[in-house]
Amino acid sequence: MHVTGPTVFVVDDDPSVLRALERLLRSAGYAVEGYASPEAFLERAPAERPGCMVVDLRMPGLGGLELQDELSRRGCPLPVVFLTGHGDVSSSVRAMKAGAVDFLTKPCDDTDLLAAVERAIARDAEARAARGEQQALRTRFEALTPREREVCLRVAQGLLNKQIADELGAAEKTIKVHRGRVMEKLGVESVAELVRLVDRLEQGP
Protein backbone atom coordinates (compact mmCIF):
# COMPACT_ATOMS: atom_id res chain seq x y z
CA MET A 1 0.00 0.00 0.00
CA HIS A 2 1.27 3.45 -0.87
CA VAL A 3 1.37 5.72 2.18
CA THR A 4 1.39 9.49 1.73
CA GLY A 5 2.66 12.12 4.13
CA PRO A 6 0.37 13.46 6.87
CA THR A 7 -2.83 15.19 5.79
CA VAL A 8 -4.99 17.56 7.84
CA PHE A 9 -8.66 16.79 7.27
CA VAL A 10 -10.81 19.84 8.04
CA VAL A 11 -14.56 19.49 8.66
CA ASP A 12 -16.61 22.69 9.04
CA ASP A 13 -20.02 23.61 7.68
CA ASP A 14 -19.13 27.34 7.38
CA PRO A 15 -17.61 27.82 3.89
CA SER A 16 -15.64 30.93 4.86
CA VAL A 17 -14.16 29.24 7.95
CA LEU A 18 -13.36 26.13 5.94
CA ARG A 19 -11.50 28.17 3.28
CA ALA A 20 -9.61 30.17 5.92
CA LEU A 21 -8.49 27.03 7.73
CA GLU A 22 -7.39 25.39 4.49
CA ARG A 23 -5.34 28.47 3.55
CA LEU A 24 -3.72 28.68 6.98
CA LEU A 25 -2.78 25.01 7.08
CA ARG A 26 -1.47 24.97 3.50
CA SER A 27 0.63 28.06 4.24
CA ALA A 28 2.18 26.08 7.11
CA GLY A 29 3.14 23.34 4.67
CA TYR A 30 0.41 20.79 5.35
CA ALA A 31 -1.53 18.78 2.80
CA VAL A 32 -5.18 19.64 3.45
CA GLU A 33 -8.56 18.17 2.55
CA GLY A 34 -11.71 20.13 3.41
CA TYR A 35 -15.21 18.78 3.98
CA ALA A 36 -18.43 20.76 4.52
CA SER A 37 -20.00 18.07 6.72
CA PRO A 38 -19.12 14.98 8.76
CA GLU A 39 -21.25 12.93 6.38
CA ALA A 40 -19.14 14.03 3.41
CA PHE A 41 -15.98 13.08 5.27
CA LEU A 42 -17.31 9.69 6.33
CA GLU A 43 -18.00 8.79 2.71
CA ARG A 44 -14.23 8.87 2.19
CA ALA A 45 -12.91 8.26 5.71
CA PRO A 46 -9.19 7.51 5.14
CA ALA A 47 -8.54 4.93 7.85
CA GLU A 48 -4.98 4.18 6.74
CA ARG A 49 -3.79 7.68 5.86
CA PRO A 50 -1.60 9.47 8.41
CA GLY A 51 -2.53 12.90 9.69
CA CYS A 52 -5.15 14.46 11.92
CA MET A 53 -8.51 16.21 11.86
CA VAL A 54 -9.66 19.75 12.62
CA VAL A 55 -13.39 19.54 13.30
CA ASP A 56 -16.13 22.03 14.12
CA LEU A 57 -18.10 21.00 17.20
CA ARG A 58 -21.63 21.95 16.14
CA MET A 59 -22.88 21.25 12.62
CA PRO A 60 -26.24 20.32 11.09
CA GLY A 61 -26.80 16.57 11.19
CA LEU A 62 -23.83 14.89 12.79
CA GLY A 63 -21.84 17.10 15.13
CA GLY A 64 -18.15 16.93 15.85
CA LEU A 65 -18.51 14.70 18.89
CA GLU A 66 -20.72 12.28 16.98
CA LEU A 67 -18.14 12.23 14.18
CA GLN A 68 -15.42 11.42 16.71
CA ASP A 69 -17.55 8.57 18.08
CA GLU A 70 -18.24 7.20 14.60
CA LEU A 71 -14.55 7.29 13.65
CA SER A 72 -13.71 5.37 16.82
CA ARG A 73 -16.39 2.81 16.01
CA ARG A 74 -14.97 2.37 12.50
CA GLY A 75 -11.42 1.97 13.78
CA CYS A 76 -10.22 5.18 12.11
CA PRO A 77 -7.75 6.46 14.70
CA LEU A 78 -7.05 9.99 13.42
CA PRO A 79 -6.42 12.43 16.30
CA VAL A 80 -8.95 15.27 16.47
CA VAL A 81 -8.56 18.98 17.20
CA PHE A 82 -11.95 20.57 17.93
CA LEU A 83 -12.91 24.14 17.03
CA THR A 84 -16.09 25.67 18.37
CA GLY A 85 -17.88 28.94 18.83
CA HIS A 86 -20.16 27.30 21.39
CA GLY A 87 -17.77 25.51 23.70
CA ASP A 88 -18.89 24.24 27.08
CA VAL A 89 -17.21 22.28 29.83
CA SER A 90 -19.16 19.05 29.34
CA SER A 91 -18.43 18.95 25.60
CA SER A 92 -14.74 19.62 26.09
CA VAL A 93 -14.49 16.96 28.81
CA ARG A 94 -16.25 14.41 26.61
CA ALA A 95 -14.02 15.26 23.66
CA MET A 96 -10.80 14.98 25.65
CA LYS A 97 -11.86 11.72 27.30
CA ALA A 98 -12.47 10.32 23.82
CA GLY A 99 -8.92 11.23 22.85
CA ALA A 100 -9.17 14.73 21.35
CA VAL A 101 -5.84 16.53 21.20
CA ASP A 102 -7.25 20.00 21.89
CA PHE A 103 -10.49 21.95 22.18
CA LEU A 104 -10.11 25.50 20.85
CA THR A 105 -12.70 28.28 20.91
CA LYS A 106 -13.39 30.31 17.76
CA PRO A 107 -11.93 32.61 16.75
CA CYS A 108 -8.75 30.82 17.77
CA ASP A 109 -5.23 32.15 17.46
CA ASP A 110 -3.43 30.81 14.39
CA THR A 111 -0.40 29.91 16.46
CA ASP A 112 -2.51 27.90 18.91
CA LEU A 113 -4.21 26.03 16.08
CA LEU A 114 -0.97 25.20 14.29
CA ALA A 115 0.59 24.04 17.57
CA ALA A 116 -2.42 21.79 18.22
CA VAL A 117 -2.20 20.34 14.69
CA GLU A 118 1.51 19.69 15.16
CA ARG A 119 0.80 17.81 18.40
CA ALA A 120 -1.98 15.83 16.74
CA ILE A 121 0.22 14.75 13.84
CA ALA A 122 3.00 13.79 16.26
CA ARG A 123 0.50 11.72 18.28
CA ASP A 124 -0.68 10.01 15.10
CA ALA A 125 2.90 9.17 14.09
CA GLU A 126 3.61 7.69 17.54
CA ALA A 127 0.41 5.64 17.47
CA ARG A 128 1.14 4.31 13.98
CA ALA A 129 4.68 3.37 15.02
CA ALA A 130 3.29 1.54 18.06
CA ARG A 131 0.76 -0.32 15.92
CA GLY A 132 3.49 -1.25 13.44
CA GLU A 133 5.70 -2.57 16.22
CA GLN A 134 2.77 -4.51 17.67
CA GLN A 135 2.04 -6.09 14.30
CA ALA A 136 5.69 -7.06 13.89
CA LEU A 137 5.62 -8.74 17.31
CA ARG A 138 2.38 -10.49 16.42
CA THR A 139 3.87 -11.77 13.15
CA ARG A 140 6.88 -13.20 14.98
CA PHE A 141 4.67 -14.88 17.57
CA GLU A 142 2.40 -16.36 14.90
CA ALA A 143 5.49 -17.88 13.22
CA LEU A 144 5.79 -20.22 16.21
CA THR A 145 4.28 -23.68 15.98
CA PRO A 146 1.32 -24.40 18.28
CA ARG A 147 3.58 -26.35 20.64
CA GLU A 148 6.18 -23.58 20.66
CA ARG A 149 3.47 -21.07 21.59
CA GLU A 150 2.44 -23.27 24.51
CA VAL A 151 6.05 -23.43 25.68
CA CYS A 152 6.54 -19.70 25.10
CA LEU A 153 3.59 -18.69 27.27
CA ARG A 154 4.64 -21.03 30.08
CA VAL A 155 8.23 -19.78 30.03
CA ALA A 156 6.84 -16.24 30.24
CA GLN A 157 4.85 -17.33 33.31
CA GLY A 158 8.11 -18.32 34.98
CA LEU A 159 7.79 -22.11 34.74
CA LEU A 160 10.92 -24.26 34.55
CA ASN A 161 11.50 -26.76 31.74
CA LYS A 162 10.60 -29.68 34.01
CA GLN A 163 7.34 -28.01 35.07
CA ILE A 164 6.42 -27.27 31.46
CA ALA A 165 7.25 -30.85 30.48
CA ASP A 166 4.94 -32.17 33.21
CA GLU A 167 2.10 -29.86 32.15
CA LEU A 168 2.39 -30.71 28.45
CA GLY A 169 3.19 -34.40 28.88
CA ALA A 170 6.49 -34.11 27.04
CA ALA A 171 10.12 -34.95 27.76
CA GLU A 172 12.14 -32.21 29.45
CA LYS A 173 14.73 -32.54 26.68
CA THR A 174 12.03 -31.81 24.08
CA ILE A 175 10.85 -28.74 26.00
CA LYS A 176 14.43 -27.47 26.07
CA VAL A 177 14.60 -27.75 22.26
CA HIS A 178 11.27 -25.95 21.86
CA ARG A 179 12.40 -23.25 24.25
CA GLY A 180 15.54 -22.64 22.21
CA ARG A 181 13.53 -22.35 19.01
CA VAL A 182 11.12 -19.93 20.66
CA MET A 183 13.95 -17.66 21.77
CA GLU A 184 15.53 -17.79 18.32
CA LYS A 185 12.31 -17.10 16.37
CA LEU A 186 11.29 -14.25 18.66
CA GLY A 187 14.75 -12.73 18.61
CA VAL A 188 15.19 -12.63 22.38
CA GLU A 189 18.18 -13.70 24.44
CA SER A 190 16.76 -13.93 27.94
CA VAL A 191 13.62 -14.92 29.78
CA ALA A 192 13.22 -11.29 30.90
CA GLU A 193 13.07 -10.16 27.25
CA LEU A 194 10.58 -12.91 26.49
CA VAL A 195 8.36 -11.86 29.39
CA ARG A 196 8.38 -8.24 28.16
CA LEU A 197 7.53 -9.33 24.62
CA VAL A 198 4.60 -11.48 25.70
CA ASP A 199 3.38 -8.71 27.99
CA ARG A 200 3.42 -6.22 25.11
CA LEU A 201 1.51 -8.69 22.92
CA GLU A 202 -1.17 -9.07 25.58
CA GLN A 203 -1.46 -5.34 26.28
CA GLY A 204 -1.67 -4.24 22.67
CA PRO A 205 -0.35 -0.93 21.24
C-alpha atoms as a PDB file:
ATOM      1  CA  MET A   1       0.000   0.000   0.000  1.00  0.00           C
ATOM      2  CA  HIS A   2       1.267   3.455  -0.872  1.00  0.00           C
ATOM      3  CA  VAL A   3       1.369   5.722   2.176  1.00  0.00           C
ATOM      4  CA  THR A   4       1.392   9.491   1.727  1.00  0.00           C
ATOM      5  CA  GLY A   5       2.655  12.124   4.134  1.00  0.00           C
ATOM      6  CA  PRO A   6       0.367  13.461   6.867  1.00  0.00           C
ATOM      7  CA  THR A   7      -2.835  15.193   5.793  1.00  0.00           C
ATOM      8  CA  VAL A   8      -4.986  17.562   7.839  1.00  0.00           C
ATOM      9  CA  PHE A   9      -8.664  16.789   7.275  1.00  0.00           C
ATOM     10  CA  VAL A  10     -10.811  19.841   8.036  1.00  0.00           C
ATOM     11  CA  VAL A  11     -14.557  19.492   8.655  1.00  0.00           C
ATOM     12  CA  ASP A  12     -16.608  22.694   9.044  1.00  0.00           C
ATOM     13  CA  ASP A  13     -20.017  23.609   7.676  1.00  0.00           C
ATOM     14  CA  ASP A  14     -19.134  27.339   7.380  1.00  0.00           C
ATOM     15  CA  PRO A  15     -17.607  27.815   3.886  1.00  0.00           C
ATOM     16  CA  SER A  16     -15.643  30.925   4.861  1.00  0.00           C
ATOM     17  CA  VAL A  17     -14.159  29.239   7.949  1.00  0.00           C
ATOM     18  CA  LEU A  18     -13.356  26.133   5.936  1.00  0.00           C
ATOM     19  CA  ARG A  19     -11.499  28.166   3.282  1.00  0.00           C
ATOM     20  CA  ALA A  20      -9.612  30.173   5.915  1.00  0.00           C
ATOM     21  CA  LEU A  21      -8.490  27.028   7.734  1.00  0.00           C
ATOM     22  CA  GLU A  22      -7.395  25.391   4.486  1.00  0.00           C
ATOM     23  CA  ARG A  23      -5.338  28.470   3.546  1.00  0.00           C
ATOM     24  CA  LEU A  24      -3.717  28.683   6.977  1.00  0.00           C
ATOM     25  CA  LEU A  25      -2.776  25.014   7.080  1.00  0.00           C
ATOM     26  CA  ARG A  26      -1.466  24.971   3.503  1.00  0.00           C
ATOM     27  CA  SER A  27       0.627  28.061   4.239  1.00  0.00           C
ATOM     28  CA  ALA A  28       2.180  26.081   7.107  1.00  0.00           C
ATOM     29  CA  GLY A  29       3.140  23.339   4.666  1.00  0.00           C
ATOM     30  CA  TYR A  30       0.409  20.793   5.349  1.00  0.00           C
ATOM     31  CA  ALA A  31      -1.533  18.782   2.798  1.00  0.00           C
ATOM     32  CA  VAL A  32      -5.178  19.636   3.447  1.00  0.00           C
ATOM     33  CA  GLU A  33      -8.560  18.167   2.547  1.00  0.00           C
ATOM     34  CA  GLY A  34     -11.706  20.129   3.407  1.00  0.00           C
ATOM     35  CA  TYR A  35     -15.212  18.783   3.979  1.00  0.00           C
ATOM     36  CA  ALA A  36     -18.428  20.756   4.521  1.00  0.00           C
ATOM     37  CA  SER A  37     -19.996  18.074   6.723  1.00  0.00           C
ATOM     38  CA  PRO A  38     -19.121  14.981   8.758  1.00  0.00           C
ATOM     39  CA  GLU A  39     -21.254  12.926   6.384  1.00  0.00           C
ATOM     40  CA  ALA A  40     -19.139  14.032   3.411  1.00  0.00           C
ATOM     41  CA  PHE A  41     -15.977  13.084   5.271  1.00  0.00           C
ATOM     42  CA  LEU A  42     -17.314   9.694   6.330  1.00  0.00           C
ATOM     43  CA  GLU A  43     -18.001   8.788   2.712  1.00  0.00           C
ATOM     44  CA  ARG A  44     -14.227   8.873   2.186  1.00  0.00           C
ATOM     45  CA  ALA A  45     -12.914   8.261   5.708  1.00  0.00           C
ATOM     46  CA  PRO A  46      -9.195   7.515   5.143  1.00  0.00           C
ATOM     47  CA  ALA A  47      -8.539   4.929   7.853  1.00  0.00           C
ATOM     48  CA  GLU A  48      -4.981   4.184   6.739  1.00  0.00           C
ATOM     49  CA  ARG A  49      -3.790   7.682   5.858  1.00  0.00           C
ATOM     50  CA  PRO A  50      -1.598   9.470   8.410  1.00  0.00           C
ATOM     51  CA  GLY A  51      -2.528  12.897   9.687  1.00  0.00           C
ATOM     52  CA  CYS A  52      -5.149  14.459  11.924  1.00  0.00           C
ATOM     53  CA  MET A  53      -8.509  16.212  11.863  1.00  0.00           C
ATOM     54  CA  VAL A  54      -9.657  19.745  12.623  1.00  0.00           C
ATOM     55  CA  VAL A  55     -13.386  19.542  13.303  1.00  0.00           C
ATOM     56  CA  ASP A  56     -16.131  22.028  14.121  1.00  0.00           C
ATOM     57  CA  LEU A  57     -18.101  21.004  17.196  1.00  0.00           C
ATOM     58  CA  ARG A  58     -21.633  21.946  16.136  1.00  0.00           C
ATOM     59  CA  MET A  59     -22.876  21.246  12.618  1.00  0.00           C
ATOM     60  CA  PRO A  60     -26.243  20.325  11.085  1.00  0.00           C
ATOM     61  CA  GLY A  61     -26.803  16.574  11.190  1.00  0.00           C
ATOM     62  CA  LEU A  62     -23.827  14.890  12.794  1.00  0.00           C
ATOM     63  CA  GLY A  63     -21.839  17.103  15.132  1.00  0.00           C
ATOM     64  CA  GLY A  64     -18.146  16.932  15.854  1.00  0.00           C
ATOM     65  CA  LEU A  65     -18.508  14.696  18.894  1.00  0.00           C
ATOM     66  CA  GLU A  66     -20.717  12.282  16.976  1.00  0.00           C
ATOM     67  CA  LEU A  67     -18.144  12.231  14.178  1.00  0.00           C
ATOM     68  CA  GLN A  68     -15.424  11.422  16.710  1.00  0.00           C
ATOM     69  CA  ASP A  69     -17.554   8.568  18.078  1.00  0.00           C
ATOM     70  CA  GLU A  70     -18.235   7.197  14.601  1.00  0.00           C
ATOM     71  CA  LEU A  71     -14.552   7.287  13.647  1.00  0.00           C
ATOM     72  CA  SER A  72     -13.710   5.370  16.816  1.00  0.00           C
ATOM     73  CA  ARG A  73     -16.391   2.807  16.007  1.00  0.00           C
ATOM     74  CA  ARG A  74     -14.965   2.369  12.499  1.00  0.00           C
ATOM     75  CA  GLY A  75     -11.420   1.971  13.778  1.00  0.00           C
ATOM     76  CA  CYS A  76     -10.222   5.176  12.112  1.00  0.00           C
ATOM     77  CA  PRO A  77      -7.747   6.462  14.705  1.00  0.00           C
ATOM     78  CA  LEU A  78      -7.052   9.987  13.416  1.00  0.00           C
ATOM     79  CA  PRO A  79      -6.422  12.435  16.304  1.00  0.00           C
ATOM     80  CA  VAL A  80      -8.951  15.273  16.467  1.00  0.00           C
ATOM     81  CA  VAL A  81      -8.563  18.985  17.200  1.00  0.00           C
ATOM     82  CA  PHE A  82     -11.947  20.573  17.929  1.00  0.00           C
ATOM     83  CA  LEU A  83     -12.907  24.136  17.034  1.00  0.00           C
ATOM     84  CA  THR A  84     -16.085  25.673  18.369  1.00  0.00           C
ATOM     85  CA  GLY A  85     -17.880  28.936  18.831  1.00  0.00           C
ATOM     86  CA  HIS A  86     -20.158  27.296  21.390  1.00  0.00           C
ATOM     87  CA  GLY A  87     -17.773  25.513  23.704  1.00  0.00           C
ATOM     88  CA  ASP A  88     -18.893  24.244  27.079  1.00  0.00           C
ATOM     89  CA  VAL A  89     -17.210  22.284  29.831  1.00  0.00           C
ATOM     90  CA  SER A  90     -19.160  19.054  29.343  1.00  0.00           C
ATOM     91  CA  SER A  91     -18.432  18.948  25.603  1.00  0.00           C
ATOM     92  CA  SER A  92     -14.738  19.623  26.090  1.00  0.00           C
ATOM     93  CA  VAL A  93     -14.487  16.962  28.815  1.00  0.00           C
ATOM     94  CA  ARG A  94     -16.254  14.405  26.614  1.00  0.00           C
ATOM     95  CA  ALA A  95     -14.020  15.262  23.661  1.00  0.00           C
ATOM     96  CA  MET A  96     -10.796  14.982  25.646  1.00  0.00           C
ATOM     97  CA  LYS A  97     -11.859  11.719  27.303  1.00  0.00           C
ATOM     98  CA  ALA A  98     -12.474  10.319  23.821  1.00  0.00           C
ATOM     99  CA  GLY A  99      -8.917  11.226  22.845  1.00  0.00           C
ATOM    100  CA  ALA A 100      -9.175  14.725  21.353  1.00  0.00           C
ATOM    101  CA  VAL A 101      -5.844  16.535  21.195  1.00  0.00           C
ATOM    102  CA  ASP A 102      -7.247  20.001  21.891  1.00  0.00           C
ATOM    103  CA  PHE A 103     -10.488  21.948  22.180  1.00  0.00           C
ATOM    104  CA  LEU A 104     -10.114  25.496  20.847  1.00  0.00           C
ATOM    105  CA  THR A 105     -12.698  28.276  20.908  1.00  0.00           C
ATOM    106  CA  LYS A 106     -13.387  30.307  17.755  1.00  0.00           C
ATOM    107  CA  PRO A 107     -11.931  32.609  16.746  1.00  0.00           C
ATOM    108  CA  CYS A 108      -8.750  30.824  17.773  1.00  0.00           C
ATOM    109  CA  ASP A 109      -5.231  32.147  17.460  1.00  0.00           C
ATOM    110  CA  ASP A 110      -3.433  30.806  14.387  1.00  0.00           C
ATOM    111  CA  THR A 111      -0.398  29.910  16.463  1.00  0.00           C
ATOM    112  CA  ASP A 112      -2.506  27.899  18.912  1.00  0.00           C
ATOM    113  CA  LEU A 113      -4.214  26.029  16.081  1.00  0.00           C
ATOM    114  CA  LEU A 114      -0.971  25.195  14.292  1.00  0.00           C
ATOM    115  CA  ALA A 115       0.588  24.039  17.569  1.00  0.00           C
ATOM    116  CA  ALA A 116      -2.419  21.787  18.217  1.00  0.00           C
ATOM    117  CA  VAL A 117      -2.200  20.337  14.693  1.00  0.00           C
ATOM    118  CA  GLU A 118       1.512  19.687  15.160  1.00  0.00           C
ATOM    119  CA  ARG A 119       0.798  17.812  18.402  1.00  0.00           C
ATOM    120  CA  ALA A 120      -1.980  15.834  16.742  1.00  0.00           C
ATOM    121  CA  ILE A 121       0.220  14.748  13.841  1.00  0.00           C
ATOM    122  CA  ALA A 122       2.999  13.789  16.261  1.00  0.00           C
ATOM    123  CA  ARG A 123       0.501  11.719  18.276  1.00  0.00           C
ATOM    124  CA  ASP A 124      -0.684  10.014  15.095  1.00  0.00           C
ATOM    125  CA  ALA A 125       2.899   9.169  14.093  1.00  0.00           C
ATOM    126  CA  GLU A 126       3.606   7.695  17.542  1.00  0.00           C
ATOM    127  CA  ALA A 127       0.409   5.644  17.474  1.00  0.00           C
ATOM    128  CA  ARG A 128       1.142   4.305  13.984  1.00  0.00           C
ATOM    129  CA  ALA A 129       4.683   3.369  15.016  1.00  0.00           C
ATOM    130  CA  ALA A 130       3.292   1.535  18.058  1.00  0.00           C
ATOM    131  CA  ARG A 131       0.764  -0.319  15.922  1.00  0.00           C
ATOM    132  CA  GLY A 132       3.492  -1.254  13.442  1.00  0.00           C
ATOM    133  CA  GLU A 133       5.705  -2.569  16.222  1.00  0.00           C
ATOM    134  CA  GLN A 134       2.767  -4.508  17.669  1.00  0.00           C
ATOM    135  CA  GLN A 135       2.037  -6.085  14.300  1.00  0.00           C
ATOM    136  CA  ALA A 136       5.692  -7.059  13.892  1.00  0.00           C
ATOM    137  CA  LEU A 137       5.623  -8.744  17.308  1.00  0.00           C
ATOM    138  CA  ARG A 138       2.376 -10.493  16.424  1.00  0.00           C
ATOM    139  CA  THR A 139       3.868 -11.769  13.152  1.00  0.00           C
ATOM    140  CA  ARG A 140       6.881 -13.201  14.982  1.00  0.00           C
ATOM    141  CA  PHE A 141       4.666 -14.881  17.566  1.00  0.00           C
ATOM    142  CA  GLU A 142       2.401 -16.361  14.896  1.00  0.00           C
ATOM    143  CA  ALA A 143       5.486 -17.877  13.215  1.00  0.00           C
ATOM    144  CA  LEU A 144       5.795 -20.217  16.208  1.00  0.00           C
ATOM    145  CA  THR A 145       4.282 -23.685  15.976  1.00  0.00           C
ATOM    146  CA  PRO A 146       1.317 -24.396  18.284  1.00  0.00           C
ATOM    147  CA  ARG A 147       3.584 -26.352  20.640  1.00  0.00           C
ATOM    148  CA  GLU A 148       6.182 -23.580  20.658  1.00  0.00           C
ATOM    149  CA  ARG A 149       3.472 -21.069  21.588  1.00  0.00           C
ATOM    150  CA  GLU A 150       2.444 -23.273  24.507  1.00  0.00           C
ATOM    151  CA  VAL A 151       6.047 -23.433  25.678  1.00  0.00           C
ATOM    152  CA  CYS A 152       6.542 -19.704  25.105  1.00  0.00           C
ATOM    153  CA  LEU A 153       3.588 -18.693  27.267  1.00  0.00           C
ATOM    154  CA  ARG A 154       4.637 -21.030  30.085  1.00  0.00           C
ATOM    155  CA  VAL A 155       8.231 -19.783  30.026  1.00  0.00           C
ATOM    156  CA  ALA A 156       6.843 -16.237  30.245  1.00  0.00           C
ATOM    157  CA  GLN A 157       4.853 -17.328  33.315  1.00  0.00           C
ATOM    158  CA  GLY A 158       8.113 -18.318  34.983  1.00  0.00           C
ATOM    159  CA  LEU A 159       7.787 -22.111  34.741  1.00  0.00           C
ATOM    160  CA  LEU A 160      10.917 -24.260  34.549  1.00  0.00           C
ATOM    161  CA  ASN A 161      11.504 -26.756  31.736  1.00  0.00           C
ATOM    162  CA  LYS A 162      10.601 -29.675  34.010  1.00  0.00           C
ATOM    163  CA  GLN A 163       7.336 -28.009  35.071  1.00  0.00           C
ATOM    164  CA  ILE A 164       6.418 -27.272  31.456  1.00  0.00           C
ATOM    165  CA  ALA A 165       7.247 -30.854  30.479  1.00  0.00           C
ATOM    166  CA  ASP A 166       4.943 -32.165  33.215  1.00  0.00           C
ATOM    167  CA  GLU A 167       2.103 -29.856  32.148  1.00  0.00           C
ATOM    168  CA  LEU A 168       2.390 -30.707  28.449  1.00  0.00           C
ATOM    169  CA  GLY A 169       3.191 -34.395  28.885  1.00  0.00           C
ATOM    170  CA  ALA A 170       6.493 -34.115  27.042  1.00  0.00           C
ATOM    171  CA  ALA A 171      10.124 -34.951  27.757  1.00  0.00           C
ATOM    172  CA  GLU A 172      12.141 -32.213  29.449  1.00  0.00           C
ATOM    173  CA  LYS A 173      14.733 -32.542  26.683  1.00  0.00           C
ATOM    174  CA  THR A 174      12.026 -31.811  24.081  1.00  0.00           C
ATOM    175  CA  ILE A 175      10.854 -28.738  25.996  1.00  0.00           C
ATOM    176  CA  LYS A 176      14.434 -27.466  26.070  1.00  0.00           C
ATOM    177  CA  VAL A 177      14.597 -27.750  22.263  1.00  0.00           C
ATOM    178  CA  HIS A 178      11.266 -25.947  21.863  1.00  0.00           C
ATOM    179  CA  ARG A 179      12.403 -23.248  24.252  1.00  0.00           C
ATOM    180  CA  GLY A 180      15.545 -22.635  22.212  1.00  0.00           C
ATOM    181  CA  ARG A 181      13.526 -22.347  19.010  1.00  0.00           C
ATOM    182  CA  VAL A 182      11.124 -19.928  20.659  1.00  0.00           C
ATOM    183  CA  MET A 183      13.955 -17.663  21.767  1.00  0.00           C
ATOM    184  CA  GLU A 184      15.525 -17.786  18.316  1.00  0.00           C
ATOM    185  CA  LYS A 185      12.311 -17.104  16.373  1.00  0.00           C
ATOM    186  CA  LEU A 186      11.287 -14.249  18.656  1.00  0.00           C
ATOM    187  CA  GLY A 187      14.754 -12.725  18.608  1.00  0.00           C
ATOM    188  CA  VAL A 188      15.186 -12.633  22.384  1.00  0.00           C
ATOM    189  CA  GLU A 189      18.181 -13.701  24.435  1.00  0.00           C
ATOM    190  CA  SER A 190      16.764 -13.929  27.937  1.00  0.00           C
ATOM    191  CA  VAL A 191      13.616 -14.919  29.776  1.00  0.00           C
ATOM    192  CA  ALA A 192      13.221 -11.294  30.899  1.00  0.00           C
ATOM    193  CA  GLU A 193      13.069 -10.164  27.254  1.00  0.00           C
ATOM    194  CA  LEU A 194      10.584 -12.913  26.490  1.00  0.00           C
ATOM    195  CA  VAL A 195       8.359 -11.863  29.389  1.00  0.00           C
ATOM    196  CA  ARG A 196       8.376  -8.235  28.155  1.00  0.00           C
ATOM    197  CA  LEU A 197       7.534  -9.331  24.615  1.00  0.00           C
ATOM    198  CA  VAL A 198       4.603 -11.480  25.698  1.00  0.00           C
ATOM    199  CA  ASP A 199       3.380  -8.708  27.992  1.00  0.00           C
ATOM    200  CA  ARG A 200       3.421  -6.224  25.106  1.00  0.00           C
ATOM    201  CA  LEU A 201       1.510  -8.687  22.923  1.00  0.00           C
ATOM    202  CA  GLU A 202      -1.172  -9.066  25.581  1.00  0.00           C
ATOM    203  CA  GLN A 203      -1.463  -5.345  26.277  1.00  0.00           C
ATOM    204  CA  GLY A 204      -1.666  -4.242  22.665  1.00  0.00           C
ATOM    205  CA  PRO A 205      -0.347  -0.925  21.243  1.00  0.00           C
END
